[in-house]
Amino acid sequence: MEFIFFLVLIFYSIIFHEISHGFVAYKLGDPTAKNSGRLSLNPLAHIDPIGTILLPLFTFSYFNFIFGYAKPVPYNPLYFKNPRRDSIFVALAGPITNLLLMLLFLYLYKFDFFPSLTKNFLSLAQLNFNLALFNLIPIPPLDGSKLFLLWMSLEEYIFLETYGFVFIFLFLLFLGNYFFIISYKAFKLILSLLG
């Protein structure tokens, strides 16, 4: 039962990441995510065959760690008053949400509210930290790549984004171990700073 609870919280950590993109886009004037039913907590609205099924299986078998994503929430920058700036705000919403979830799970871990779930909360905190850090990598279509919009046109970025999954796959294949080592050490540093 604990394992199922853990998996549900992993999945919802990914869903909240995506919903936050749509929510910020909606607040900035774009109704696309809302109109397509993607601000929903219904998990079926967010399942992506690659990110929700294949990538977690790949990362678990290759790195012994579960990693994935939900179906990306659509947004249309043409609704924004300042498309380049607002696209960056939408992008940052996901990693910020994961960092807030990390702090929530660290709080639940530290104060041991549910003793049987304490280790799960620590794992969930680390997972959310990994999600935030990974999404800040500047490889399209990851959130960190939206910083390219500071010096690149939207059309140029969309073209680059078309090939992004190839870059992500190559990054995971050749640099994935280094990423997870750095992420693990950074998370341990956060734990030590929080006492």
Protein backbone atom coordinates (compact mmCIF):
# COMPACT_ATOMS: atom_id res chain seq x y z
CA MET A 1 0.00 0.00 0.00
CA GLU A 2 2.86 2.38 0.82
CA PHE A 3 4.41 1.75 -2.60
CA ILE A 4 1.15 2.63 -4.39
CA PHE A 5 0.86 5.81 -2.28
CA PHE A 6 4.46 6.64 -3.23
CA LEU A 7 3.79 6.11 -6.96
CA VAL A 8 0.65 8.27 -6.80
CA LEU A 9 2.64 11.11 -5.19
CA ILE A 10 5.39 10.76 -7.83
CA PHE A 11 2.81 11.02 -10.58
CA TYR A 12 1.12 14.01 -8.98
CA SER A 13 4.47 15.76 -8.53
CA ILE A 14 4.83 15.55 -12.31
CA ILE A 15 1.19 16.58 -12.88
CA PHE A 16 1.50 19.64 -10.61
CA HIS A 17 4.59 20.65 -12.59
CA GLU A 18 2.55 20.64 -15.81
CA ILE A 19 -0.59 22.20 -14.34
CA SER A 20 1.49 25.11 -13.00
CA HIS A 21 2.62 25.90 -16.57
CA GLY A 22 -1.00 26.05 -17.71
CA PHE A 23 -2.13 28.00 -14.66
CA VAL A 24 0.51 30.72 -15.10
CA ALA A 25 -0.26 30.87 -18.84
CA TYR A 26 -3.95 31.28 -17.97
CA LYS A 27 -3.17 34.08 -15.51
CA LEU A 28 -1.12 35.78 -18.25
CA GLY A 29 -4.10 35.70 -20.63
CA ASP A 30 -3.81 32.34 -22.43
CA PRO A 31 -6.89 30.09 -22.08
CA THR A 32 -5.42 27.21 -24.15
CA ALA A 33 -4.67 24.83 -21.25
CA LYS A 34 -7.97 25.59 -19.54
CA ASN A 35 -9.97 25.14 -22.74
CA SER A 36 -8.26 21.80 -23.48
CA GLY A 37 -9.01 20.46 -19.96
CA ARG A 38 -5.35 20.41 -18.92
CA LEU A 39 -5.77 22.30 -15.64
CA SER A 40 -7.43 19.15 -14.32
CA LEU A 41 -6.12 16.90 -11.54
CA ASN A 42 -7.48 13.90 -13.45
CA PRO A 43 -4.37 11.80 -14.18
CA LEU A 44 -5.76 10.52 -17.49
CA ALA A 45 -5.55 14.05 -18.91
CA HIS A 46 -1.78 14.09 -18.33
CA ILE A 47 -0.50 10.64 -19.35
CA ASP A 48 2.14 10.77 -22.10
CA PRO A 49 3.22 7.41 -23.58
CA ILE A 50 6.90 8.41 -23.72
CA GLY A 51 7.27 10.53 -20.59
CA THR A 52 4.90 8.72 -18.27
CA ILE A 53 5.65 5.14 -19.34
CA LEU A 54 8.80 4.68 -21.48
CA LEU A 55 11.13 7.26 -19.88
CA PRO A 56 10.50 6.04 -16.30
CA LEU A 57 11.19 2.45 -17.44
CA PHE A 58 14.36 3.56 -19.27
CA THR A 59 15.72 5.62 -16.38
CA PHE A 60 14.89 2.94 -13.84
CA SER A 61 16.63 0.20 -15.82
CA TYR A 62 19.61 2.33 -16.90
CA PHE A 63 20.13 4.55 -13.81
CA ASN A 64 18.17 2.60 -11.15
CA PHE A 65 16.07 5.74 -10.66
CA ILE A 66 12.53 6.63 -11.76
CA PHE A 67 12.31 9.74 -13.91
CA GLY A 68 9.58 10.93 -16.27
CA TYR A 69 7.15 13.63 -17.27
CA ALA A 70 3.49 14.11 -17.98
CA LYS A 71 2.02 15.23 -21.30
CA PRO A 72 3.22 18.83 -21.78
CA VAL A 73 0.48 21.41 -21.18
CA PRO A 74 -0.21 23.42 -24.34
CA TYR A 75 0.02 27.19 -24.33
CA ASN A 76 -0.13 29.83 -27.03
CA PRO A 77 2.33 32.73 -26.57
CA LEU A 78 0.30 34.83 -29.02
CA TYR A 79 -2.15 35.50 -26.16
CA PHE A 80 0.58 37.08 -24.03
CA LYS A 81 1.20 40.82 -23.83
CA ASN A 82 4.93 40.12 -23.95
CA PRO A 83 5.32 36.67 -25.58
CA ARG A 84 9.05 36.21 -24.94
CA ARG A 85 9.02 37.31 -21.29
CA ASP A 86 5.73 35.59 -20.45
CA SER A 87 6.90 32.32 -22.06
CA ILE A 88 9.84 32.38 -19.64
CA PHE A 89 7.45 32.93 -16.69
CA VAL A 90 5.33 29.97 -17.86
CA ALA A 91 8.47 27.82 -18.18
CA LEU A 92 9.77 28.69 -14.70
CA ALA A 93 6.42 27.82 -13.07
CA GLY A 94 7.10 24.07 -13.36
CA PRO A 95 10.52 23.95 -11.67
CA ILE A 96 9.37 26.41 -8.98
CA THR A 97 6.40 24.14 -8.24
CA ASN A 98 8.75 21.16 -7.88
CA LEU A 99 10.99 23.12 -5.51
CA LEU A 100 7.96 24.03 -3.38
CA LEU A 101 6.89 20.37 -3.35
CA MET A 102 10.44 19.43 -2.34
CA LEU A 103 10.18 21.80 0.64
CA LEU A 104 6.77 20.35 1.58
CA PHE A 105 8.08 16.77 1.51
CA LEU A 106 11.21 17.77 3.45
CA TYR A 107 8.96 19.35 6.07
CA LEU A 108 6.89 16.14 6.32
CA TYR A 109 10.13 14.12 6.52
CA LYS A 110 11.79 16.32 9.14
CA PHE A 111 8.83 16.47 11.50
CA ASP A 112 7.95 12.78 11.06
CA PHE A 113 4.17 13.30 10.92
CA PHE A 114 3.65 9.86 9.35
CA PRO A 115 6.43 7.57 10.65
CA SER A 116 5.68 4.74 8.22
CA LEU A 117 6.06 7.15 5.26
CA THR A 118 9.11 9.12 6.43
CA LYS A 119 11.56 7.53 3.97
CA ASN A 120 9.05 8.00 1.15
CA PHE A 121 8.86 11.73 1.90
CA LEU A 122 12.63 12.03 1.65
CA SER A 123 12.59 10.19 -1.69
CA LEU A 124 9.76 12.41 -2.94
CA ALA A 125 11.69 15.51 -1.90
CA GLN A 126 14.71 14.30 -3.85
CA LEU A 127 12.58 13.39 -6.87
CA ASN A 128 11.06 16.88 -6.96
CA PHE A 129 14.50 18.43 -6.66
CA ASN A 130 15.68 16.26 -9.58
CA LEU A 131 12.64 17.27 -11.64
CA ALA A 132 13.28 20.96 -11.00
CA LEU A 133 16.99 20.68 -11.78
CA PHE A 134 16.50 18.54 -14.87
CA ASN A 135 13.85 20.88 -16.26
CA LEU A 136 16.20 23.84 -15.84
CA ILE A 137 18.74 22.28 -18.23
CA PRO A 138 18.81 24.49 -21.35
CA ILE A 139 17.86 21.76 -23.84
CA PRO A 140 14.61 22.31 -25.78
CA PRO A 141 11.84 21.60 -24.92
CA LEU A 142 12.92 21.61 -21.24
CA ASP A 143 11.91 24.67 -19.25
CA GLY A 144 15.44 26.04 -18.92
CA SER A 145 15.71 26.31 -22.70
CA LYS A 146 13.08 29.06 -22.72
CA LEU A 147 15.91 31.40 -21.69
CA PHE A 148 17.00 31.18 -25.34
CA LEU A 149 14.02 33.44 -26.00
CA LEU A 150 16.03 36.29 -24.49
CA TRP A 151 18.12 36.40 -27.69
CA MET A 152 16.30 34.11 -30.13
CA SER A 153 13.03 34.68 -31.97
CA LEU A 154 10.02 32.51 -31.12
CA GLU A 155 10.12 30.98 -34.61
CA GLU A 156 13.81 30.03 -34.25
CA TYR A 157 13.13 28.50 -30.84
CA ILE A 158 10.17 26.45 -32.13
CA PHE A 159 12.41 25.09 -34.91
CA LEU A 160 15.09 24.12 -32.37
CA GLU A 161 12.44 22.58 -30.10
CA THR A 162 11.42 20.18 -32.89
CA TYR A 163 14.65 18.19 -32.37
CA GLY A 164 14.78 18.57 -28.61
CA PHE A 165 13.90 15.01 -27.65
CA VAL A 166 16.92 13.74 -29.59
CA PHE A 167 19.14 16.08 -27.53
CA ILE A 168 17.47 14.98 -24.29
CA PHE A 169 17.98 11.31 -25.15
CA LEU A 170 21.66 11.93 -25.97
CA PHE A 171 22.08 13.95 -22.79
CA LEU A 172 20.60 11.14 -20.66
CA LEU A 173 22.62 8.50 -22.47
CA PHE A 174 26.02 10.21 -22.23
CA LEU A 175 25.70 12.64 -19.32
CA GLY A 176 22.79 11.22 -17.32
CA ASN A 177 25.01 9.58 -14.69
CA TYR A 178 26.86 12.86 -14.11
CA PHE A 179 23.58 14.75 -13.83
CA PHE A 180 22.24 12.36 -11.18
CA ILE A 181 25.53 12.44 -9.23
CA ILE A 182 25.53 16.27 -9.21
CA SER A 183 21.83 16.33 -8.35
CA TYR A 184 22.35 13.85 -5.48
CA LYS A 185 25.24 15.86 -4.04
CA ALA A 186 23.30 19.14 -4.34
CA PHE A 187 20.30 17.57 -2.59
CA LYS A 188 22.53 16.28 0.23
CA LEU A 189 23.92 19.81 0.60
CA ILE A 190 20.37 21.17 0.92
CA LEU A 191 19.62 18.54 3.56
CA SER A 192 22.70 19.48 5.55
CA LEU A 193 21.85 23.19 5.32
CA LEU A 194 18.32 22.54 6.56
CA GLY A 195 19.73 20.55 9.47
